[in-house]
Amino acid sequence: MRTLTRRIVLLTGLVLLLDANVAMAAPDPVSDSATADVTVTVDEIIEWDVVVNAGNFETIELANITNQGDAPEASKSLVLYTNCNLNITADHTAAAQLTKTTDTLVTEYKLAYDKNGTNGTGGTDVAVWTDYTTFLGAGSAVTHVTLDGAVNVTLSARASNDAGNVADAGAYTATQTLTATF
């Protein structure tokens, strides 16, 4: 019985010792936070949609001219991404005029935006047909509106014969280049 009592006392002492160690253990650590400031600068961005035709308008194909007075017209659109106000200018060189070897056609352009710079990033449409030599002469202003970083730009082209003249038969080509700058 004595041995049993010793074991119980010894076991009780061991339990008390374990309880004391648990009671004396340090409390669970309290959370401690560290902060990190993160900064980035977004530069002014002007970028034609590279998904569509590598950032170029698709070919504007005009209907055939079958009579002296025909003036076919057509349009294509391209998205311009921007986070700043900008100006769009056009090419006024002979490259922008419809030409076949040495013969030319009267070549005119218009420009339109899907938004006007108030209800979203955009500008004022150039709604009057303008000869390639003066098209966007002073440029066309595009106003950026916060939280709207894209504007759909529509370029329209029109071809016609000179008054009292009929151009030579055949295919005529031109390349109009629009340049956006801030």
C-alpha atoms as a PDB file:
ATOM      1  CA  MET A   1       0.000   0.000   0.000  1.00  0.00           C
ATOM      2  CA  ARG A   2       2.880   2.244   0.768  1.00  0.00           C
ATOM      3  CA  THR A   3       4.185   1.844  -2.707  1.00  0.00           C
ATOM      4  CA  LEU A   4       0.796   2.684  -4.086  1.00  0.00           C
ATOM      5  CA  THR A   5       0.637   5.825  -1.931  1.00  0.00           C
ATOM      6  CA  ARG A   6       4.100   6.850  -3.097  1.00  0.00           C
ATOM      7  CA  ARG A   7       3.091   6.411  -6.696  1.00  0.00           C
ATOM      8  CA  ILE A   8      -0.066   8.443  -6.210  1.00  0.00           C
ATOM      9  CA  VAL A   9       1.865  11.215  -4.442  1.00  0.00           C
ATOM     10  CA  LEU A  10       4.562  11.106  -7.065  1.00  0.00           C
ATOM     11  CA  LEU A  11       1.975  11.145  -9.848  1.00  0.00           C
ATOM     12  CA  THR A  12       0.072  13.977  -8.152  1.00  0.00           C
ATOM     13  CA  GLY A  13       3.330  15.952  -7.811  1.00  0.00           C
ATOM     14  CA  LEU A  14       4.114  15.384 -11.455  1.00  0.00           C
ATOM     15  CA  VAL A  15       0.635  16.582 -12.473  1.00  0.00           C
ATOM     16  CA  LEU A  16       0.989  19.669 -10.256  1.00  0.00           C
ATOM     17  CA  LEU A  17       4.412  20.356 -11.705  1.00  0.00           C
ATOM     18  CA  LEU A  18       3.032  20.085 -15.249  1.00  0.00           C
ATOM     19  CA  ASP A  19       0.116  22.355 -14.346  1.00  0.00           C
ATOM     20  CA  ALA A  20       2.547  24.901 -12.895  1.00  0.00           C
ATOM     21  CA  ASN A  21       4.628  24.875 -16.078  1.00  0.00           C
ATOM     22  CA  VAL A  22       1.537  25.373 -18.199  1.00  0.00           C
ATOM     23  CA  ALA A  23       0.382  28.192 -15.936  1.00  0.00           C
ATOM     24  CA  MET A  24       3.821  29.892 -16.055  1.00  0.00           C
ATOM     25  CA  ALA A  25       4.205  29.601 -19.843  1.00  0.00           C
ATOM     26  CA  ALA A  26       4.279  32.860 -21.798  1.00  0.00           C
ATOM     27  CA  PRO A  27       0.901  33.960 -23.137  1.00  0.00           C
ATOM     28  CA  ASP A  28       0.137  33.404 -26.806  1.00  0.00           C
ATOM     29  CA  PRO A  29       1.858  36.127 -28.830  1.00  0.00           C
ATOM     30  CA  VAL A  30      -0.305  39.097 -29.759  1.00  0.00           C
ATOM     31  CA  SER A  31      -0.340  39.856 -33.509  1.00  0.00           C
ATOM     32  CA  ASP A  32       2.101  42.488 -34.638  1.00  0.00           C
ATOM     33  CA  SER A  33       1.778  44.238 -37.997  1.00  0.00           C
ATOM     34  CA  ALA A  34       4.321  45.843 -40.276  1.00  0.00           C
ATOM     35  CA  THR A  35       3.332  48.079 -43.160  1.00  0.00           C
ATOM     36  CA  ALA A  36       4.901  48.559 -46.568  1.00  0.00           C
ATOM     37  CA  ASP A  37       4.189  51.565 -48.741  1.00  0.00           C
ATOM     38  CA  VAL A  38       3.836  50.651 -52.411  1.00  0.00           C
ATOM     39  CA  THR A  39       4.074  53.236 -55.164  1.00  0.00           C
ATOM     40  CA  VAL A  40       3.918  53.235 -58.928  1.00  0.00           C
ATOM     41  CA  THR A  41       3.739  55.965 -61.528  1.00  0.00           C
ATOM     42  CA  VAL A  42       1.582  55.581 -64.624  1.00  0.00           C
ATOM     43  CA  ASP A  43       3.038  57.548 -67.501  1.00  0.00           C
ATOM     44  CA  GLU A  44       0.913  59.250 -70.102  1.00  0.00           C
ATOM     45  CA  ILE A  45      -0.236  56.568 -72.523  1.00  0.00           C
ATOM     46  CA  ILE A  46      -1.384  56.848 -76.117  1.00  0.00           C
ATOM     47  CA  GLU A  47      -1.764  53.534 -77.904  1.00  0.00           C
ATOM     48  CA  TRP A  48      -3.786  52.386 -80.895  1.00  0.00           C
ATOM     49  CA  ASP A  49      -5.414  48.974 -80.363  1.00  0.00           C
ATOM     50  CA  VAL A  50      -2.679  46.511 -81.354  1.00  0.00           C
ATOM     51  CA  VAL A  51      -5.095  43.552 -81.307  1.00  0.00           C
ATOM     52  CA  VAL A  52      -6.841  44.946 -84.377  1.00  0.00           C
ATOM     53  CA  ASN A  53      -4.568  44.805 -87.427  1.00  0.00           C
ATOM     54  CA  ALA A  54      -1.392  45.535 -85.396  1.00  0.00           C
ATOM     55  CA  GLY A  55      -2.580  48.999 -84.361  1.00  0.00           C
ATOM     56  CA  ASN A  56      -3.683  50.089 -87.832  1.00  0.00           C
ATOM     57  CA  PHE A  57      -7.097  50.681 -89.332  1.00  0.00           C
ATOM     58  CA  GLU A  58      -8.382  47.873 -91.523  1.00  0.00           C
ATOM     59  CA  THR A  59      -8.311  48.705 -95.231  1.00  0.00           C
ATOM     60  CA  ILE A  60     -11.051  51.148 -96.180  1.00  0.00           C
ATOM     61  CA  GLU A  61     -12.447  49.710 -99.394  1.00  0.00           C
ATOM     62  CA  LEU A  62     -14.502  52.123-101.457  1.00  0.00           C
ATOM     63  CA  ALA A  63     -17.061  50.954-104.017  1.00  0.00           C
ATOM     64  CA  ASN A  64     -16.059  51.168-107.676  1.00  0.00           C
ATOM     65  CA  ILE A  65     -16.500  54.444-109.505  1.00  0.00           C
ATOM     66  CA  THR A  66     -18.726  53.564-112.458  1.00  0.00           C
ATOM     67  CA  ASN A  67     -19.889  57.051-113.478  1.00  0.00           C
ATOM     68  CA  GLN A  68     -18.109  60.413-113.676  1.00  0.00           C
ATOM     69  CA  GLY A  69     -20.202  61.814-110.805  1.00  0.00           C
ATOM     70  CA  ASP A  70     -19.771  58.852-108.395  1.00  0.00           C
ATOM     71  CA  ALA A  71     -18.272  59.639-104.980  1.00  0.00           C
ATOM     72  CA  PRO A  72     -18.058  56.380-103.017  1.00  0.00           C
ATOM     73  CA  GLU A  73     -17.289  56.570 -99.311  1.00  0.00           C
ATOM     74  CA  ALA A  74     -16.536  54.080 -96.560  1.00  0.00           C
ATOM     75  CA  SER A  75     -15.287  54.025 -92.973  1.00  0.00           C
ATOM     76  CA  LYS A  76     -13.303  51.927 -90.513  1.00  0.00           C
ATOM     77  CA  SER A  77     -12.907  52.310 -86.755  1.00  0.00           C
ATOM     78  CA  LEU A  78     -10.011  51.714 -84.390  1.00  0.00           C
ATOM     79  CA  VAL A  79      -9.797  52.066 -80.615  1.00  0.00           C
ATOM     80  CA  LEU A  80      -7.311  54.544 -79.208  1.00  0.00           C
ATOM     81  CA  TYR A  81      -6.304  53.977 -75.571  1.00  0.00           C
ATOM     82  CA  THR A  82      -5.257  57.053 -73.621  1.00  0.00           C
ATOM     83  CA  ASN A  83      -5.056  58.443 -70.118  1.00  0.00           C
ATOM     84  CA  CYS A  84      -4.331  62.030 -71.152  1.00  0.00           C
ATOM     85  CA  ASN A  85      -5.585  64.772 -73.432  1.00  0.00           C
ATOM     86  CA  LEU A  86      -4.124  64.527 -76.916  1.00  0.00           C
ATOM     87  CA  ASN A  87      -4.249  65.824 -80.462  1.00  0.00           C
ATOM     88  CA  ILE A  88      -4.702  63.771 -83.643  1.00  0.00           C
ATOM     89  CA  THR A  89      -3.125  65.002 -86.867  1.00  0.00           C
ATOM     90  CA  ALA A  90      -3.239  63.598 -90.400  1.00  0.00           C
ATOM     91  CA  ASP A  91      -0.803  63.096 -93.249  1.00  0.00           C
ATOM     92  CA  HIS A  92      -1.089  65.840 -95.891  1.00  0.00           C
ATOM     93  CA  THR A  93       1.456  64.377 -98.303  1.00  0.00           C
ATOM     94  CA  ALA A  94       0.766  62.706-101.645  1.00  0.00           C
ATOM     95  CA  ALA A  95       0.743  59.329 -99.825  1.00  0.00           C
ATOM     96  CA  ALA A  96      -2.737  60.237 -98.508  1.00  0.00           C
ATOM     97  CA  GLN A  97      -4.143  60.881-102.008  1.00  0.00           C
ATOM     98  CA  LEU A  98      -5.688  58.069-104.059  1.00  0.00           C
ATOM     99  CA  THR A  99      -3.201  57.536-106.886  1.00  0.00           C
ATOM    100  CA  LYS A 100      -2.622  55.155-109.790  1.00  0.00           C
ATOM    101  CA  THR A 101       0.778  55.688-111.381  1.00  0.00           C
ATOM    102  CA  THR A 102       0.485  59.388-112.297  1.00  0.00           C
ATOM    103  CA  ASP A 103      -3.296  59.795-112.214  1.00  0.00           C
ATOM    104  CA  THR A 104      -5.096  60.846-109.036  1.00  0.00           C
ATOM    105  CA  LEU A 105      -8.594  61.102-107.612  1.00  0.00           C
ATOM    106  CA  VAL A 106     -10.069  63.778-105.400  1.00  0.00           C
ATOM    107  CA  THR A 107      -9.435  62.270-101.952  1.00  0.00           C
ATOM    108  CA  GLU A 108     -11.340  63.478 -98.890  1.00  0.00           C
ATOM    109  CA  TYR A 109     -11.555  62.381 -95.278  1.00  0.00           C
ATOM    110  CA  LYS A 110     -13.749  62.757 -92.162  1.00  0.00           C
ATOM    111  CA  LEU A 111     -13.167  61.741 -88.546  1.00  0.00           C
ATOM    112  CA  ALA A 112     -15.658  60.748 -85.839  1.00  0.00           C
ATOM    113  CA  TYR A 113     -15.479  59.718 -82.184  1.00  0.00           C
ATOM    114  CA  ASP A 114     -17.859  57.542 -80.191  1.00  0.00           C
ATOM    115  CA  LYS A 115     -17.769  60.058 -77.298  1.00  0.00           C
ATOM    116  CA  ASN A 116     -17.377  63.819 -77.165  1.00  0.00           C
ATOM    117  CA  GLY A 117     -14.914  64.460 -74.323  1.00  0.00           C
ATOM    118  CA  THR A 118     -17.721  65.280 -71.872  1.00  0.00           C
ATOM    119  CA  ASN A 119     -19.638  62.001 -71.577  1.00  0.00           C
ATOM    120  CA  GLY A 120     -16.426  59.994 -72.076  1.00  0.00           C
ATOM    121  CA  THR A 121     -12.986  60.280 -73.623  1.00  0.00           C
ATOM    122  CA  GLY A 122     -13.405  61.681 -77.122  1.00  0.00           C
ATOM    123  CA  GLY A 123     -13.574  64.790 -79.248  1.00  0.00           C
ATOM    124  CA  THR A 124     -15.556  66.817 -81.719  1.00  0.00           C
ATOM    125  CA  ASP A 125     -16.304  65.041 -84.982  1.00  0.00           C
ATOM    126  CA  VAL A 126     -14.804  66.412 -88.185  1.00  0.00           C
ATOM    127  CA  ALA A 127     -18.092  65.939 -90.041  1.00  0.00           C
ATOM    128  CA  VAL A 128     -17.313  67.893 -93.211  1.00  0.00           C
ATOM    129  CA  TRP A 129     -15.490  66.128 -96.046  1.00  0.00           C
ATOM    130  CA  THR A 130     -12.024  67.657 -96.190  1.00  0.00           C
ATOM    131  CA  ASP A 131      -9.409  67.358 -98.933  1.00  0.00           C
ATOM    132  CA  TYR A 132      -6.386  65.303 -97.866  1.00  0.00           C
ATOM    133  CA  THR A 133      -4.144  68.405 -98.115  1.00  0.00           C
ATOM    134  CA  THR A 134      -5.997  70.202 -95.298  1.00  0.00           C
ATOM    135  CA  PHE A 135      -7.609  67.308 -93.365  1.00  0.00           C
ATOM    136  CA  LEU A 136      -7.058  67.902 -89.621  1.00  0.00           C
ATOM    137  CA  GLY A 137      -4.880  70.878 -90.479  1.00  0.00           C
ATOM    138  CA  ALA A 138      -4.853  72.124 -86.890  1.00  0.00           C
ATOM    139  CA  GLY A 139      -5.390  68.649 -85.500  1.00  0.00           C
ATOM    140  CA  SER A 140      -8.360  67.242 -83.654  1.00  0.00           C
ATOM    141  CA  ALA A 141      -8.378  67.521 -79.865  1.00  0.00           C
ATOM    142  CA  VAL A 142      -9.279  64.482 -77.770  1.00  0.00           C
ATOM    143  CA  THR A 143     -10.221  65.126 -74.143  1.00  0.00           C
ATOM    144  CA  HIS A 144      -9.554  62.370 -71.617  1.00  0.00           C
ATOM    145  CA  VAL A 145     -12.304  61.723 -69.054  1.00  0.00           C
ATOM    146  CA  THR A 146     -11.286  60.030 -65.810  1.00  0.00           C
ATOM    147  CA  LEU A 147     -12.120  56.312 -65.682  1.00  0.00           C
ATOM    148  CA  ASP A 148     -12.580  56.168 -69.472  1.00  0.00           C
ATOM    149  CA  GLY A 149      -9.311  55.327 -71.169  1.00  0.00           C
ATOM    150  CA  ALA A 150     -10.554  54.390 -74.633  1.00  0.00           C
ATOM    151  CA  VAL A 151     -12.112  56.173 -77.562  1.00  0.00           C
ATOM    152  CA  ASN A 152     -13.377  54.620 -80.771  1.00  0.00           C
ATOM    153  CA  VAL A 153     -11.999  56.660 -83.705  1.00  0.00           C
ATOM    154  CA  THR A 154     -13.711  56.306 -87.088  1.00  0.00           C
ATOM    155  CA  LEU A 155     -11.869  57.386 -90.223  1.00  0.00           C
ATOM    156  CA  SER A 156     -13.967  57.881 -93.348  1.00  0.00           C
ATOM    157  CA  ALA A 157     -12.642  58.253 -96.891  1.00  0.00           C
ATOM    158  CA  ARG A 158     -14.320  59.427-100.107  1.00  0.00           C
ATOM    159  CA  ALA A 159     -13.102  59.421-103.709  1.00  0.00           C
ATOM    160  CA  SER A 160     -14.343  61.281-106.743  1.00  0.00           C
ATOM    161  CA  ASN A 161     -13.268  62.480-110.174  1.00  0.00           C
ATOM    162  CA  ASP A 162     -12.143  66.030-110.790  1.00  0.00           C
ATOM    163  CA  ALA A 163     -14.978  68.191-112.117  1.00  0.00           C
ATOM    164  CA  GLY A 164     -15.245  67.680-115.861  1.00  0.00           C
ATOM    165  CA  ASN A 165     -12.726  64.839-115.840  1.00  0.00           C
ATOM    166  CA  VAL A 166     -12.739  61.039-115.650  1.00  0.00           C
ATOM    167  CA  ALA A 167      -9.763  59.316-114.054  1.00  0.00           C
ATOM    168  CA  ASP A 168      -7.917  56.487-115.806  1.00  0.00           C
ATOM    169  CA  ALA A 169      -9.360  53.022-115.247  1.00  0.00           C
ATOM    170  CA  GLY A 170      -7.636  50.849-112.638  1.00  0.00           C
ATOM    171  CA  ALA A 171      -6.964  50.481-108.927  1.00  0.00           C
ATOM    172  CA  TYR A 172      -6.054  53.585-106.900  1.00  0.00           C
ATOM    173  CA  THR A 173      -4.448  53.437-103.467  1.00  0.00           C
ATOM    174  CA  ALA A 174      -3.627  55.822-100.633  1.00  0.00           C
ATOM    175  CA  THR A 175      -2.294  55.554 -97.104  1.00  0.00           C
ATOM    176  CA  GLN A 176      -3.645  58.031 -94.568  1.00  0.00           C
ATOM    177  CA  THR A 177      -1.650  58.159 -91.345  1.00  0.00           C
ATOM    178  CA  LEU A 178      -3.247  59.521 -88.171  1.00  0.00           C
ATOM    179  CA  THR A 179      -0.815  60.488 -85.427  1.00  0.00           C
ATOM    180  CA  ALA A 180      -1.872  60.959 -81.808  1.00  0.00           C
ATOM    181  CA  THR A 181       0.391  63.126 -79.621  1.00  0.00           C
ATOM    182  CA  PHE A 182       0.055  64.654 -76.159  1.00  0.00           C
END
